[in-house]
N, C-alpha and C. Protein backbone atom coordinates (compact mmCIF):
# COMPACT_ATOMS: atom_id res chain seq x y z
N ARG A 1 6.12 23.53 -24.36
CA ARG A 1 5.58 23.22 -23.04
C ARG A 1 5.67 21.72 -22.74
N PHE A 2 5.39 20.90 -23.75
CA PHE A 2 5.48 19.45 -23.58
C PHE A 2 6.89 19.04 -23.18
N ASP A 3 7.90 19.59 -23.87
CA ASP A 3 9.29 19.26 -23.56
C ASP A 3 9.66 19.69 -22.14
N GLU A 4 9.12 20.82 -21.69
CA GLU A 4 9.39 21.29 -20.32
C GLU A 4 8.83 20.30 -19.30
N ILE A 5 7.61 19.84 -19.55
CA ILE A 5 6.97 18.90 -18.63
C ILE A 5 7.74 17.58 -18.58
N VAL A 6 8.15 17.09 -19.77
CA VAL A 6 8.92 15.84 -19.83
C VAL A 6 10.22 15.98 -19.04
N LYS A 7 10.90 17.11 -19.21
CA LYS A 7 12.18 17.33 -18.53
C LYS A 7 12.00 17.39 -17.02
N GLU A 8 11.00 18.16 -16.56
CA GLU A 8 10.77 18.31 -15.12
C GLU A 8 10.33 16.99 -14.50
N THR A 9 9.41 16.29 -15.16
CA THR A 9 8.91 15.03 -14.61
C THR A 9 9.99 13.96 -14.62
N SER A 10 10.79 13.92 -15.68
CA SER A 10 11.88 12.93 -15.76
C SER A 10 12.87 13.12 -14.62
N SER A 11 13.18 14.37 -14.33
CA SER A 11 14.11 14.66 -13.24
C SER A 11 13.56 14.17 -11.91
N PHE A 12 12.25 14.36 -11.71
CA PHE A 12 11.64 13.94 -10.45
C PHE A 12 11.60 12.43 -10.32
N VAL A 13 11.13 11.73 -11.37
CA VAL A 13 11.00 10.27 -11.26
C VAL A 13 12.36 9.60 -11.16
N LYS A 14 13.38 10.21 -11.76
CA LYS A 14 14.73 9.66 -11.64
C LYS A 14 15.23 9.80 -10.21
N LYS A 15 14.87 10.92 -9.58
CA LYS A 15 15.31 11.18 -8.22
C LYS A 15 14.72 10.18 -7.23
N ILE A 16 13.51 9.70 -7.51
CA ILE A 16 12.88 8.75 -6.59
C ILE A 16 13.10 7.29 -6.99
N GLY A 17 13.98 7.08 -7.98
CA GLY A 17 14.42 5.72 -8.26
C GLY A 17 13.84 5.03 -9.47
N TYR A 18 13.14 5.78 -10.34
CA TYR A 18 12.56 5.16 -11.54
C TYR A 18 13.33 5.60 -12.79
N ASN A 19 13.24 4.80 -13.84
CA ASN A 19 13.93 5.09 -15.09
C ASN A 19 12.97 5.84 -16.02
N PRO A 20 13.23 7.14 -16.30
CA PRO A 20 12.33 7.91 -17.16
C PRO A 20 12.21 7.36 -18.57
N GLU A 21 13.22 6.60 -19.02
CA GLU A 21 13.18 6.05 -20.38
C GLU A 21 12.10 4.97 -20.52
N LYS A 22 11.63 4.44 -19.40
CA LYS A 22 10.59 3.41 -19.43
C LYS A 22 9.19 3.99 -19.22
N ILE A 23 9.10 5.31 -19.21
CA ILE A 23 7.82 5.99 -18.98
C ILE A 23 7.34 6.65 -20.27
N HIS A 24 6.07 6.46 -20.60
CA HIS A 24 5.49 7.10 -21.78
C HIS A 24 4.95 8.48 -21.39
N PHE A 25 5.40 9.50 -22.09
CA PHE A 25 4.85 10.84 -21.92
C PHE A 25 3.94 11.10 -23.11
N VAL A 26 2.64 11.25 -22.86
CA VAL A 26 1.66 11.30 -23.94
C VAL A 26 0.90 12.63 -23.91
N PRO A 27 1.08 13.49 -24.93
CA PRO A 27 0.29 14.73 -25.00
C PRO A 27 -1.12 14.43 -25.49
N ILE A 28 -2.12 14.94 -24.79
CA ILE A 28 -3.52 14.71 -25.20
C ILE A 28 -4.34 15.98 -24.99
N SER A 29 -5.50 16.00 -25.59
CA SER A 29 -6.52 17.00 -25.29
C SER A 29 -7.81 16.25 -25.00
N GLY A 30 -8.19 16.20 -23.73
CA GLY A 30 -9.43 15.54 -23.38
C GLY A 30 -10.63 16.27 -23.93
N PHE A 31 -10.52 17.60 -24.05
CA PHE A 31 -11.64 18.40 -24.55
C PHE A 31 -11.89 18.12 -26.03
N ASN A 32 -10.80 18.05 -26.81
CA ASN A 32 -10.94 17.81 -28.25
C ASN A 32 -10.80 16.34 -28.64
N GLY A 33 -10.33 15.52 -27.70
CA GLY A 33 -10.12 14.10 -28.01
C GLY A 33 -8.84 13.82 -28.75
N ASP A 34 -7.93 14.80 -28.80
CA ASP A 34 -6.67 14.62 -29.54
C ASP A 34 -5.79 13.57 -28.88
N ASN A 35 -5.34 12.61 -29.68
CA ASN A 35 -4.37 11.60 -29.28
C ASN A 35 -4.86 10.69 -28.15
N MET A 36 -6.17 10.62 -27.98
CA MET A 36 -6.72 9.73 -26.96
C MET A 36 -6.82 8.30 -27.50
N LEU A 37 -7.60 8.14 -28.56
CA LEU A 37 -7.79 6.82 -29.17
C LEU A 37 -7.01 6.67 -30.47
N GLU A 38 -6.91 7.76 -31.21
CA GLU A 38 -6.21 7.74 -32.50
C GLU A 38 -5.26 8.92 -32.58
N LYS A 39 -4.24 8.81 -33.42
CA LYS A 39 -3.29 9.90 -33.61
C LYS A 39 -4.01 11.11 -34.18
N SER A 40 -3.62 12.29 -33.70
CA SER A 40 -4.32 13.52 -34.09
C SER A 40 -3.51 14.32 -35.11
N PRO A 41 -4.18 14.86 -36.14
CA PRO A 41 -3.48 15.74 -37.10
C PRO A 41 -3.02 17.04 -36.45
N ASN A 42 -3.57 17.35 -35.28
CA ASN A 42 -3.17 18.57 -34.57
C ASN A 42 -1.86 18.40 -33.80
N LEU A 43 -1.36 17.15 -33.76
CA LEU A 43 -0.12 16.87 -33.04
C LEU A 43 0.89 16.21 -33.97
N GLY A 44 1.09 16.83 -35.13
CA GLY A 44 2.00 16.28 -36.13
C GLY A 44 3.43 16.15 -35.64
N TRP A 45 3.81 16.96 -34.66
CA TRP A 45 5.18 16.94 -34.14
C TRP A 45 5.43 15.74 -33.21
N TYR A 46 4.35 15.08 -32.77
CA TYR A 46 4.48 13.97 -31.82
C TYR A 46 4.41 12.63 -32.55
N LYS A 47 5.40 11.77 -32.35
CA LYS A 47 5.48 10.50 -33.07
C LYS A 47 5.27 9.29 -32.15
N GLY A 48 4.89 9.54 -30.90
CA GLY A 48 4.77 8.44 -29.94
C GLY A 48 3.40 7.79 -29.94
N LEU A 49 3.08 7.12 -28.82
CA LEU A 49 1.84 6.36 -28.68
C LEU A 49 0.64 7.26 -28.37
N THR A 50 -0.55 6.76 -28.71
CA THR A 50 -1.77 7.41 -28.23
C THR A 50 -1.96 7.00 -26.77
N LEU A 51 -2.90 7.66 -26.08
CA LEU A 51 -3.15 7.32 -24.69
C LEU A 51 -3.61 5.87 -24.56
N LEU A 52 -4.50 5.44 -25.46
CA LEU A 52 -4.99 4.06 -25.41
C LEU A 52 -3.86 3.06 -25.63
N GLU A 53 -2.98 3.35 -26.58
CA GLU A 53 -1.85 2.46 -26.84
C GLU A 53 -0.91 2.40 -25.64
N ALA A 54 -0.70 3.55 -25.00
CA ALA A 54 0.17 3.59 -23.82
C ALA A 54 -0.42 2.77 -22.68
N LEU A 55 -1.73 2.88 -22.49
CA LEU A 55 -2.39 2.11 -21.43
C LEU A 55 -2.34 0.62 -21.73
N ASP A 56 -2.54 0.26 -23.01
CA ASP A 56 -2.51 -1.15 -23.40
C ASP A 56 -1.11 -1.76 -23.26
N SER A 57 -0.08 -0.91 -23.26
CA SER A 57 1.29 -1.42 -23.18
C SER A 57 1.75 -1.66 -21.74
N ILE A 58 0.93 -1.26 -20.77
CA ILE A 58 1.31 -1.43 -19.37
C ILE A 58 1.34 -2.91 -19.01
N TYR A 59 2.41 -3.32 -18.38
CA TYR A 59 2.55 -4.72 -17.98
C TYR A 59 1.58 -5.01 -16.84
N GLU A 60 0.80 -6.06 -16.99
CA GLU A 60 -0.14 -6.46 -15.94
C GLU A 60 0.52 -7.48 -15.02
N PRO A 61 0.78 -7.11 -13.77
CA PRO A 61 1.48 -8.04 -12.87
C PRO A 61 0.60 -9.23 -12.50
N LYS A 62 1.26 -10.31 -12.14
CA LYS A 62 0.54 -11.50 -11.70
C LYS A 62 -0.12 -11.23 -10.36
N ARG A 63 -1.39 -11.57 -10.25
CA ARG A 63 -2.10 -11.35 -8.99
C ARG A 63 -1.60 -12.35 -7.94
N PRO A 64 -1.30 -11.87 -6.73
CA PRO A 64 -0.71 -12.75 -5.70
C PRO A 64 -1.75 -13.63 -5.01
N SER A 65 -2.44 -14.46 -5.79
CA SER A 65 -3.48 -15.33 -5.23
C SER A 65 -2.90 -16.45 -4.38
N ASP A 66 -1.61 -16.78 -4.61
CA ASP A 66 -0.99 -17.90 -3.91
C ASP A 66 -0.45 -17.51 -2.54
N LYS A 67 -0.48 -16.24 -2.20
CA LYS A 67 0.04 -15.78 -0.91
C LYS A 67 -1.06 -15.86 0.15
N PRO A 68 -0.69 -15.79 1.44
CA PRO A 68 -1.70 -15.83 2.51
C PRO A 68 -2.72 -14.70 2.35
N LEU A 69 -3.96 -14.98 2.72
CA LEU A 69 -5.04 -14.01 2.57
C LEU A 69 -4.82 -12.78 3.43
N ARG A 70 -4.99 -11.60 2.82
CA ARG A 70 -4.96 -10.34 3.55
C ARG A 70 -6.05 -9.42 2.98
N VAL A 71 -6.97 -9.01 3.86
CA VAL A 71 -8.03 -8.09 3.47
C VAL A 71 -8.08 -6.94 4.48
N PRO A 72 -7.43 -5.79 4.21
CA PRO A 72 -7.56 -4.63 5.10
C PRO A 72 -9.00 -4.10 5.05
N LEU A 73 -9.60 -3.90 6.21
CA LEU A 73 -11.00 -3.48 6.26
C LEU A 73 -11.14 -1.98 6.02
N GLN A 74 -12.03 -1.62 5.11
CA GLN A 74 -12.33 -0.22 4.84
C GLN A 74 -13.46 0.28 5.72
N ASP A 75 -14.46 -0.57 5.95
CA ASP A 75 -15.60 -0.23 6.80
C ASP A 75 -16.26 -1.51 7.28
N VAL A 76 -17.13 -1.37 8.28
CA VAL A 76 -17.92 -2.50 8.77
C VAL A 76 -19.36 -2.04 8.91
N TYR A 77 -20.29 -2.78 8.33
CA TYR A 77 -21.70 -2.40 8.32
C TYR A 77 -22.55 -3.46 9.02
N LYS A 78 -23.66 -3.00 9.59
CA LYS A 78 -24.69 -3.90 10.10
C LYS A 78 -25.88 -3.79 9.16
N ILE A 79 -26.19 -4.87 8.46
CA ILE A 79 -27.25 -4.85 7.45
C ILE A 79 -28.41 -5.72 7.93
N GLY A 80 -29.59 -5.12 7.97
CA GLY A 80 -30.77 -5.82 8.45
C GLY A 80 -31.06 -7.08 7.67
N GLY A 81 -31.32 -8.17 8.38
CA GLY A 81 -31.62 -9.44 7.74
C GLY A 81 -30.40 -10.21 7.30
N ILE A 82 -29.23 -9.58 7.37
CA ILE A 82 -27.98 -10.25 6.96
C ILE A 82 -27.01 -10.36 8.14
N GLY A 83 -26.72 -9.22 8.77
CA GLY A 83 -25.82 -9.23 9.91
C GLY A 83 -24.63 -8.32 9.70
N THR A 84 -23.50 -8.70 10.27
CA THR A 84 -22.28 -7.89 10.20
C THR A 84 -21.55 -8.14 8.88
N VAL A 85 -21.25 -7.05 8.17
CA VAL A 85 -20.61 -7.16 6.86
C VAL A 85 -19.38 -6.26 6.80
N PRO A 86 -18.17 -6.82 6.98
CA PRO A 86 -16.95 -6.04 6.75
C PRO A 86 -16.76 -5.84 5.24
N VAL A 87 -16.16 -4.70 4.88
CA VAL A 87 -15.91 -4.37 3.48
C VAL A 87 -14.42 -4.06 3.31
N GLY A 88 -13.81 -4.60 2.27
CA GLY A 88 -12.40 -4.32 2.03
C GLY A 88 -11.94 -4.85 0.69
N ARG A 89 -10.69 -4.54 0.37
CA ARG A 89 -10.08 -4.99 -0.88
C ARG A 89 -9.16 -6.16 -0.61
N VAL A 90 -9.33 -7.24 -1.35
CA VAL A 90 -8.45 -8.40 -1.21
C VAL A 90 -7.08 -8.03 -1.79
N GLU A 91 -6.06 -7.99 -0.94
CA GLU A 91 -4.71 -7.64 -1.40
C GLU A 91 -3.94 -8.88 -1.86
N THR A 92 -4.01 -9.94 -1.07
CA THR A 92 -3.36 -11.20 -1.42
C THR A 92 -4.26 -12.36 -1.01
N GLY A 93 -4.03 -13.54 -1.61
CA GLY A 93 -4.78 -14.72 -1.24
C GLY A 93 -6.17 -14.77 -1.85
N ILE A 94 -6.98 -15.71 -1.37
CA ILE A 94 -8.33 -15.92 -1.87
C ILE A 94 -9.30 -16.00 -0.70
N LEU A 95 -10.41 -15.28 -0.80
CA LEU A 95 -11.45 -15.28 0.23
C LEU A 95 -12.65 -16.06 -0.28
N LYS A 96 -13.13 -17.04 0.52
CA LYS A 96 -14.24 -17.88 0.09
C LYS A 96 -15.28 -18.00 1.20
N PRO A 97 -16.54 -18.25 0.83
CA PRO A 97 -17.56 -18.58 1.84
C PRO A 97 -17.15 -19.85 2.60
N ASN A 98 -17.58 -19.93 3.87
CA ASN A 98 -17.30 -21.06 4.77
C ASN A 98 -15.86 -21.10 5.27
N MET A 99 -15.04 -20.13 4.86
CA MET A 99 -13.67 -20.05 5.36
C MET A 99 -13.68 -19.46 6.78
N ILE A 100 -12.77 -19.94 7.63
CA ILE A 100 -12.59 -19.36 8.95
C ILE A 100 -11.51 -18.28 8.84
N VAL A 101 -11.89 -17.04 9.17
CA VAL A 101 -10.94 -15.93 9.06
C VAL A 101 -10.61 -15.38 10.45
N THR A 102 -9.43 -14.80 10.54
CA THR A 102 -8.97 -14.15 11.77
C THR A 102 -8.74 -12.68 11.50
N PHE A 103 -9.23 -11.83 12.41
CA PHE A 103 -9.05 -10.39 12.31
C PHE A 103 -7.96 -9.95 13.29
N ALA A 104 -7.03 -9.15 12.80
CA ALA A 104 -5.96 -8.61 13.65
C ALA A 104 -5.91 -7.10 13.47
N PRO A 105 -5.52 -6.35 14.52
CA PRO A 105 -5.22 -6.87 15.86
C PRO A 105 -6.49 -7.31 16.59
N GLY A 106 -6.32 -8.10 17.63
CA GLY A 106 -7.46 -8.59 18.40
C GLY A 106 -7.58 -10.09 18.35
N ASN A 107 -7.06 -10.72 17.28
CA ASN A 107 -7.08 -12.17 17.14
C ASN A 107 -8.49 -12.74 17.27
N LEU A 108 -9.45 -12.13 16.56
CA LEU A 108 -10.83 -12.61 16.56
C LEU A 108 -11.05 -13.50 15.35
N SER A 109 -11.60 -14.69 15.57
CA SER A 109 -11.84 -15.63 14.48
C SER A 109 -13.32 -15.92 14.32
N THR A 110 -13.75 -16.10 13.08
CA THR A 110 -15.15 -16.40 12.79
C THR A 110 -15.26 -17.00 11.40
N GLU A 111 -16.47 -17.45 11.06
CA GLU A 111 -16.71 -18.06 9.76
C GLU A 111 -17.31 -17.05 8.79
N VAL A 112 -16.87 -17.11 7.54
CA VAL A 112 -17.43 -16.28 6.48
C VAL A 112 -18.67 -16.98 5.93
N LYS A 113 -19.81 -16.30 6.01
CA LYS A 113 -21.06 -16.91 5.53
C LYS A 113 -21.24 -16.71 4.02
N SER A 114 -20.86 -15.53 3.53
CA SER A 114 -21.01 -15.24 2.10
C SER A 114 -20.07 -14.13 1.70
N VAL A 115 -19.78 -14.05 0.39
CA VAL A 115 -18.92 -13.00 -0.17
C VAL A 115 -19.65 -12.37 -1.35
N GLU A 116 -19.70 -11.03 -1.38
CA GLU A 116 -20.39 -10.34 -2.47
C GLU A 116 -19.55 -9.20 -3.01
N MET A 117 -19.73 -8.93 -4.31
CA MET A 117 -19.13 -7.75 -4.95
C MET A 117 -20.19 -7.12 -5.84
N HIS A 118 -20.50 -5.85 -5.59
CA HIS A 118 -21.55 -5.14 -6.33
C HIS A 118 -22.88 -5.91 -6.27
N HIS A 119 -23.20 -6.40 -5.07
CA HIS A 119 -24.47 -7.11 -4.80
C HIS A 119 -24.59 -8.44 -5.54
N VAL A 120 -23.48 -8.98 -6.00
CA VAL A 120 -23.48 -10.28 -6.66
C VAL A 120 -22.67 -11.26 -5.82
N ALA A 121 -23.26 -12.40 -5.46
CA ALA A 121 -22.57 -13.41 -4.66
C ALA A 121 -21.42 -14.02 -5.45
N LEU A 122 -20.28 -14.21 -4.77
CA LEU A 122 -19.10 -14.77 -5.42
C LEU A 122 -18.72 -16.11 -4.79
N PRO A 123 -18.26 -17.06 -5.60
CA PRO A 123 -17.73 -18.31 -5.04
C PRO A 123 -16.37 -18.08 -4.40
N GLU A 124 -15.65 -17.03 -4.84
CA GLU A 124 -14.38 -16.64 -4.25
C GLU A 124 -14.01 -15.24 -4.70
N ALA A 125 -13.22 -14.56 -3.88
CA ALA A 125 -12.72 -13.22 -4.22
C ALA A 125 -11.20 -13.29 -4.31
N THR A 126 -10.63 -12.66 -5.33
CA THR A 126 -9.19 -12.71 -5.58
C THR A 126 -8.58 -11.32 -5.47
N PRO A 127 -7.24 -11.21 -5.45
CA PRO A 127 -6.60 -9.90 -5.30
C PRO A 127 -7.12 -8.86 -6.28
N GLY A 128 -7.44 -7.68 -5.75
CA GLY A 128 -7.99 -6.60 -6.56
C GLY A 128 -9.49 -6.44 -6.40
N ASP A 129 -10.16 -7.47 -5.88
CA ASP A 129 -11.62 -7.40 -5.71
C ASP A 129 -11.97 -6.61 -4.46
N ASN A 130 -12.90 -5.65 -4.60
CA ASN A 130 -13.46 -4.92 -3.46
C ASN A 130 -14.76 -5.61 -3.08
N VAL A 131 -14.78 -6.22 -1.91
CA VAL A 131 -15.90 -7.08 -1.55
C VAL A 131 -16.45 -6.76 -0.16
N GLY A 132 -17.67 -7.23 0.06
CA GLY A 132 -18.26 -7.29 1.38
C GLY A 132 -18.46 -8.75 1.72
N PHE A 133 -18.20 -9.12 2.97
CA PHE A 133 -18.39 -10.53 3.35
C PHE A 133 -19.08 -10.61 4.71
N ASN A 134 -20.13 -11.41 4.76
CA ASN A 134 -20.93 -11.57 5.97
C ASN A 134 -20.24 -12.56 6.91
N VAL A 135 -20.09 -12.18 8.18
CA VAL A 135 -19.41 -13.04 9.16
C VAL A 135 -20.34 -13.38 10.32
N LYS A 136 -20.08 -14.52 10.92
CA LYS A 136 -20.90 -15.02 12.03
C LYS A 136 -20.41 -14.49 13.38
N ASN A 137 -21.35 -14.27 14.29
CA ASN A 137 -21.08 -14.07 15.72
C ASN A 137 -20.14 -12.92 16.05
N LEU A 138 -20.06 -11.92 15.17
CA LEU A 138 -19.30 -10.70 15.47
C LEU A 138 -20.19 -9.50 15.20
N SER A 139 -20.08 -8.47 16.05
CA SER A 139 -20.86 -7.26 15.85
C SER A 139 -19.97 -6.16 15.27
N VAL A 140 -20.59 -5.06 14.89
CA VAL A 140 -19.82 -3.93 14.34
C VAL A 140 -18.92 -3.31 15.40
N LYS A 141 -19.15 -3.64 16.67
CA LYS A 141 -18.30 -3.12 17.75
C LYS A 141 -17.03 -3.95 17.91
N ASP A 142 -17.05 -5.17 17.38
CA ASP A 142 -15.90 -6.06 17.54
C ASP A 142 -14.78 -5.80 16.53
N ILE A 143 -15.15 -5.40 15.31
CA ILE A 143 -14.16 -5.18 14.26
C ILE A 143 -14.34 -3.78 13.70
N ARG A 144 -13.26 -3.21 13.14
CA ARG A 144 -13.31 -1.81 12.71
C ARG A 144 -12.36 -1.59 11.53
N ARG A 145 -12.51 -0.42 10.92
CA ARG A 145 -11.63 -0.01 9.84
C ARG A 145 -10.17 -0.05 10.31
N GLY A 146 -9.29 -0.54 9.44
CA GLY A 146 -7.87 -0.63 9.78
C GLY A 146 -7.43 -2.02 10.18
N MET A 147 -8.39 -2.85 10.64
CA MET A 147 -8.04 -4.24 10.96
C MET A 147 -7.82 -5.02 9.66
N VAL A 148 -7.17 -6.17 9.78
CA VAL A 148 -6.86 -6.99 8.61
C VAL A 148 -7.41 -8.40 8.82
N ALA A 149 -8.10 -8.92 7.80
CA ALA A 149 -8.63 -10.28 7.86
C ALA A 149 -7.71 -11.23 7.09
N GLY A 150 -7.56 -12.44 7.60
CA GLY A 150 -6.75 -13.45 6.93
C GLY A 150 -7.27 -14.85 7.22
N ASP A 151 -6.77 -15.82 6.49
CA ASP A 151 -7.16 -17.22 6.67
C ASP A 151 -6.58 -17.75 7.98
N SER A 152 -7.46 -18.23 8.87
CA SER A 152 -7.00 -18.72 10.17
C SER A 152 -6.05 -19.90 10.05
N LYS A 153 -6.13 -20.65 8.94
CA LYS A 153 -5.33 -21.87 8.78
C LYS A 153 -4.04 -21.65 7.99
N GLN A 154 -3.87 -20.46 7.40
CA GLN A 154 -2.66 -20.22 6.60
C GLN A 154 -2.06 -18.86 6.94
N ASP A 155 -1.11 -18.87 7.87
CA ASP A 155 -0.37 -17.66 8.25
C ASP A 155 -1.31 -16.48 8.49
N PRO A 156 -2.19 -16.55 9.50
CA PRO A 156 -3.11 -15.44 9.76
C PRO A 156 -2.36 -14.17 10.15
N PRO A 157 -2.96 -13.00 9.93
CA PRO A 157 -2.30 -11.74 10.30
C PRO A 157 -2.13 -11.64 11.81
N ARG A 158 -1.06 -11.00 12.23
CA ARG A 158 -0.77 -10.84 13.66
C ARG A 158 -0.34 -9.41 13.92
N GLU A 159 -0.67 -8.92 15.10
CA GLU A 159 -0.21 -7.59 15.47
C GLU A 159 1.25 -7.67 15.90
N CYS A 160 1.95 -6.53 15.87
CA CYS A 160 3.35 -6.52 16.27
C CYS A 160 3.67 -5.23 17.00
N ASP A 161 4.72 -5.27 17.79
CA ASP A 161 5.17 -4.08 18.51
C ASP A 161 6.16 -3.27 17.69
N SER A 162 6.88 -3.94 16.77
CA SER A 162 7.88 -3.24 15.95
C SER A 162 8.09 -3.99 14.65
N PHE A 163 8.64 -3.31 13.66
CA PHE A 163 8.97 -3.93 12.38
C PHE A 163 10.07 -3.11 11.72
N THR A 164 10.76 -3.72 10.76
CA THR A 164 11.80 -3.03 10.01
C THR A 164 11.24 -2.60 8.66
N ALA A 165 11.41 -1.34 8.31
CA ALA A 165 10.84 -0.80 7.07
C ALA A 165 11.91 -0.09 6.26
N GLN A 166 11.76 -0.14 4.93
CA GLN A 166 12.60 0.66 4.04
C GLN A 166 11.73 1.82 3.56
N VAL A 167 12.13 3.04 3.86
CA VAL A 167 11.32 4.23 3.63
C VAL A 167 11.97 5.11 2.57
N ILE A 168 11.19 5.52 1.58
CA ILE A 168 11.65 6.49 0.59
C ILE A 168 11.11 7.85 0.98
N ILE A 169 11.99 8.81 1.19
CA ILE A 169 11.60 10.16 1.60
C ILE A 169 11.50 11.03 0.36
N LEU A 170 10.30 11.45 0.02
CA LEU A 170 10.10 12.29 -1.16
C LEU A 170 10.35 13.75 -0.83
N ASN A 171 9.82 14.19 0.30
CA ASN A 171 9.98 15.59 0.69
C ASN A 171 9.72 15.70 2.18
N HIS A 172 10.63 16.34 2.91
CA HIS A 172 10.44 16.51 4.35
C HIS A 172 11.16 17.78 4.79
N PRO A 173 10.45 18.65 5.52
CA PRO A 173 11.05 19.95 5.87
C PRO A 173 12.10 19.88 6.96
N GLY A 174 12.07 18.83 7.80
CA GLY A 174 13.02 18.75 8.90
C GLY A 174 13.95 17.56 8.78
N GLN A 175 14.40 17.06 9.93
CA GLN A 175 15.30 15.90 9.96
C GLN A 175 14.56 14.69 10.50
N ILE A 176 14.89 13.54 9.94
CA ILE A 176 14.33 12.28 10.44
C ILE A 176 15.44 11.56 11.19
N HIS A 177 15.16 11.21 12.44
CA HIS A 177 16.17 10.61 13.30
C HIS A 177 15.49 9.66 14.27
N ALA A 178 16.29 8.94 15.04
CA ALA A 178 15.72 8.05 16.06
C ALA A 178 14.89 8.88 17.03
N GLY A 179 13.67 8.44 17.28
CA GLY A 179 12.75 9.19 18.13
C GLY A 179 11.72 9.98 17.35
N TYR A 180 11.94 10.13 16.04
CA TYR A 180 10.96 10.84 15.19
C TYR A 180 9.64 10.09 15.22
N ALA A 181 8.53 10.81 15.41
CA ALA A 181 7.22 10.17 15.61
C ALA A 181 6.20 10.65 14.58
N PRO A 182 6.12 9.99 13.43
CA PRO A 182 5.12 10.34 12.41
C PRO A 182 3.83 9.55 12.61
N VAL A 183 2.84 9.85 11.80
CA VAL A 183 1.62 9.04 11.74
C VAL A 183 1.74 8.13 10.52
N LEU A 184 1.53 6.85 10.71
CA LEU A 184 1.68 5.86 9.65
C LEU A 184 0.32 5.51 9.06
N ASP A 185 0.22 5.61 7.73
CA ASP A 185 -0.96 5.14 7.01
C ASP A 185 -0.56 3.89 6.23
N CYS A 186 -1.12 2.76 6.60
CA CYS A 186 -0.83 1.49 5.94
C CYS A 186 -2.14 0.86 5.52
N HIS A 187 -2.39 0.85 4.21
CA HIS A 187 -3.70 0.41 3.69
C HIS A 187 -4.78 1.27 4.36
N THR A 188 -5.62 0.70 5.22
CA THR A 188 -6.69 1.49 5.84
C THR A 188 -6.38 1.85 7.29
N ALA A 189 -5.22 1.42 7.80
CA ALA A 189 -4.85 1.74 9.18
C ALA A 189 -4.21 3.12 9.25
N HIS A 190 -4.47 3.84 10.34
CA HIS A 190 -3.95 5.20 10.56
C HIS A 190 -3.52 5.26 12.02
N ILE A 191 -2.20 5.20 12.25
CA ILE A 191 -1.74 5.04 13.63
C ILE A 191 -0.40 5.74 13.84
N ALA A 192 -0.22 6.30 15.04
CA ALA A 192 1.04 6.95 15.38
C ALA A 192 2.11 5.90 15.65
N CYS A 193 3.34 6.20 15.23
CA CYS A 193 4.45 5.27 15.47
C CYS A 193 5.71 6.09 15.76
N LYS A 194 6.81 5.41 15.99
CA LYS A 194 8.07 6.11 16.29
C LYS A 194 9.24 5.36 15.67
N PHE A 195 10.16 6.10 15.05
CA PHE A 195 11.39 5.51 14.54
C PHE A 195 12.31 5.24 15.74
N SER A 196 12.53 3.97 16.08
CA SER A 196 13.37 3.67 17.23
C SER A 196 14.85 3.68 16.87
N GLU A 197 15.17 3.35 15.60
CA GLU A 197 16.57 3.29 15.18
C GLU A 197 16.67 3.40 13.67
N LEU A 198 17.65 4.15 13.17
CA LEU A 198 17.94 4.22 11.74
C LEU A 198 19.09 3.26 11.46
N LEU A 199 18.83 2.22 10.67
CA LEU A 199 19.84 1.19 10.45
C LEU A 199 20.88 1.61 9.43
N ASP A 200 20.44 2.10 8.26
CA ASP A 200 21.38 2.60 7.26
C ASP A 200 20.62 3.34 6.16
N LYS A 201 21.39 4.02 5.32
CA LYS A 201 20.83 4.67 4.14
C LYS A 201 21.13 3.79 2.94
N VAL A 202 20.18 3.68 2.02
CA VAL A 202 20.37 2.83 0.85
C VAL A 202 20.15 3.63 -0.43
N ASP A 203 20.76 3.15 -1.50
CA ASP A 203 20.54 3.74 -2.81
C ASP A 203 19.13 3.37 -3.26
N ARG A 204 18.31 4.37 -3.53
CA ARG A 204 16.91 4.09 -3.83
C ARG A 204 16.71 3.35 -5.16
N ARG A 205 17.73 3.40 -6.02
CA ARG A 205 17.63 2.69 -7.30
C ARG A 205 18.07 1.23 -7.20
N THR A 206 19.10 0.97 -6.38
CA THR A 206 19.66 -0.39 -6.32
C THR A 206 19.34 -1.11 -5.01
N GLY A 207 19.03 -0.35 -3.95
CA GLY A 207 18.79 -0.96 -2.65
C GLY A 207 20.06 -1.25 -1.88
N ALA A 208 21.23 -0.92 -2.47
CA ALA A 208 22.51 -1.18 -1.81
C ALA A 208 22.76 -0.15 -0.70
N SER A 209 23.37 -0.60 0.38
CA SER A 209 23.67 0.28 1.50
C SER A 209 24.75 1.29 1.10
N VAL A 210 24.53 2.56 1.43
CA VAL A 210 25.51 3.60 1.10
C VAL A 210 26.06 4.28 2.35
N GLU A 211 25.35 4.12 3.48
CA GLU A 211 25.83 4.76 4.71
C GLU A 211 25.22 4.04 5.90
N ALA A 212 26.05 3.33 6.68
CA ALA A 212 25.57 2.65 7.88
C ALA A 212 25.35 3.67 8.98
N SER A 213 24.40 3.38 9.88
CA SER A 213 24.12 4.32 10.97
C SER A 213 25.19 4.23 12.04
């Protein structure tokens, strides 16, 4: 059964552009604890890593703290005695108290009074942190889920009418063509859009163009 799963999964990940040889397939039993932390005598046929070893071998990418600040908003709360508190995950950049941030779309700017994570005040929030930050002079009606906060002084986020995207199609029952109108989910935003033009098809493994439109 393990070999069947490896074969089926390898075929799928190869089809979407990944190298199956760089993926660890680890048989475990969560119920019995087999091969979770230590090698199990019940899996004598398996010579690979334990789950813990496989997790420890994952490359940790550098956090993009040097890029412009981007915080997609997950929710916005009004907290008594504090005020308006947007909540979101820092994707890039650094969020600090006293920083002037701009919310897009809408181009609303305000000052950050404080930043907290799990009810603990932070001197700064970095990529990967899920935080709440108190802002001045904005109500919960002014900002909403799906908006993006950024540093007003360093490439603040801006709304746009169109953009160019590279899309990987995993499964689709029909045809995708100019005029196709899907719903786009980008971070916390959920909005209808339309494909105005298909520029070309690319090899999903190399990114090289294989068929111009």
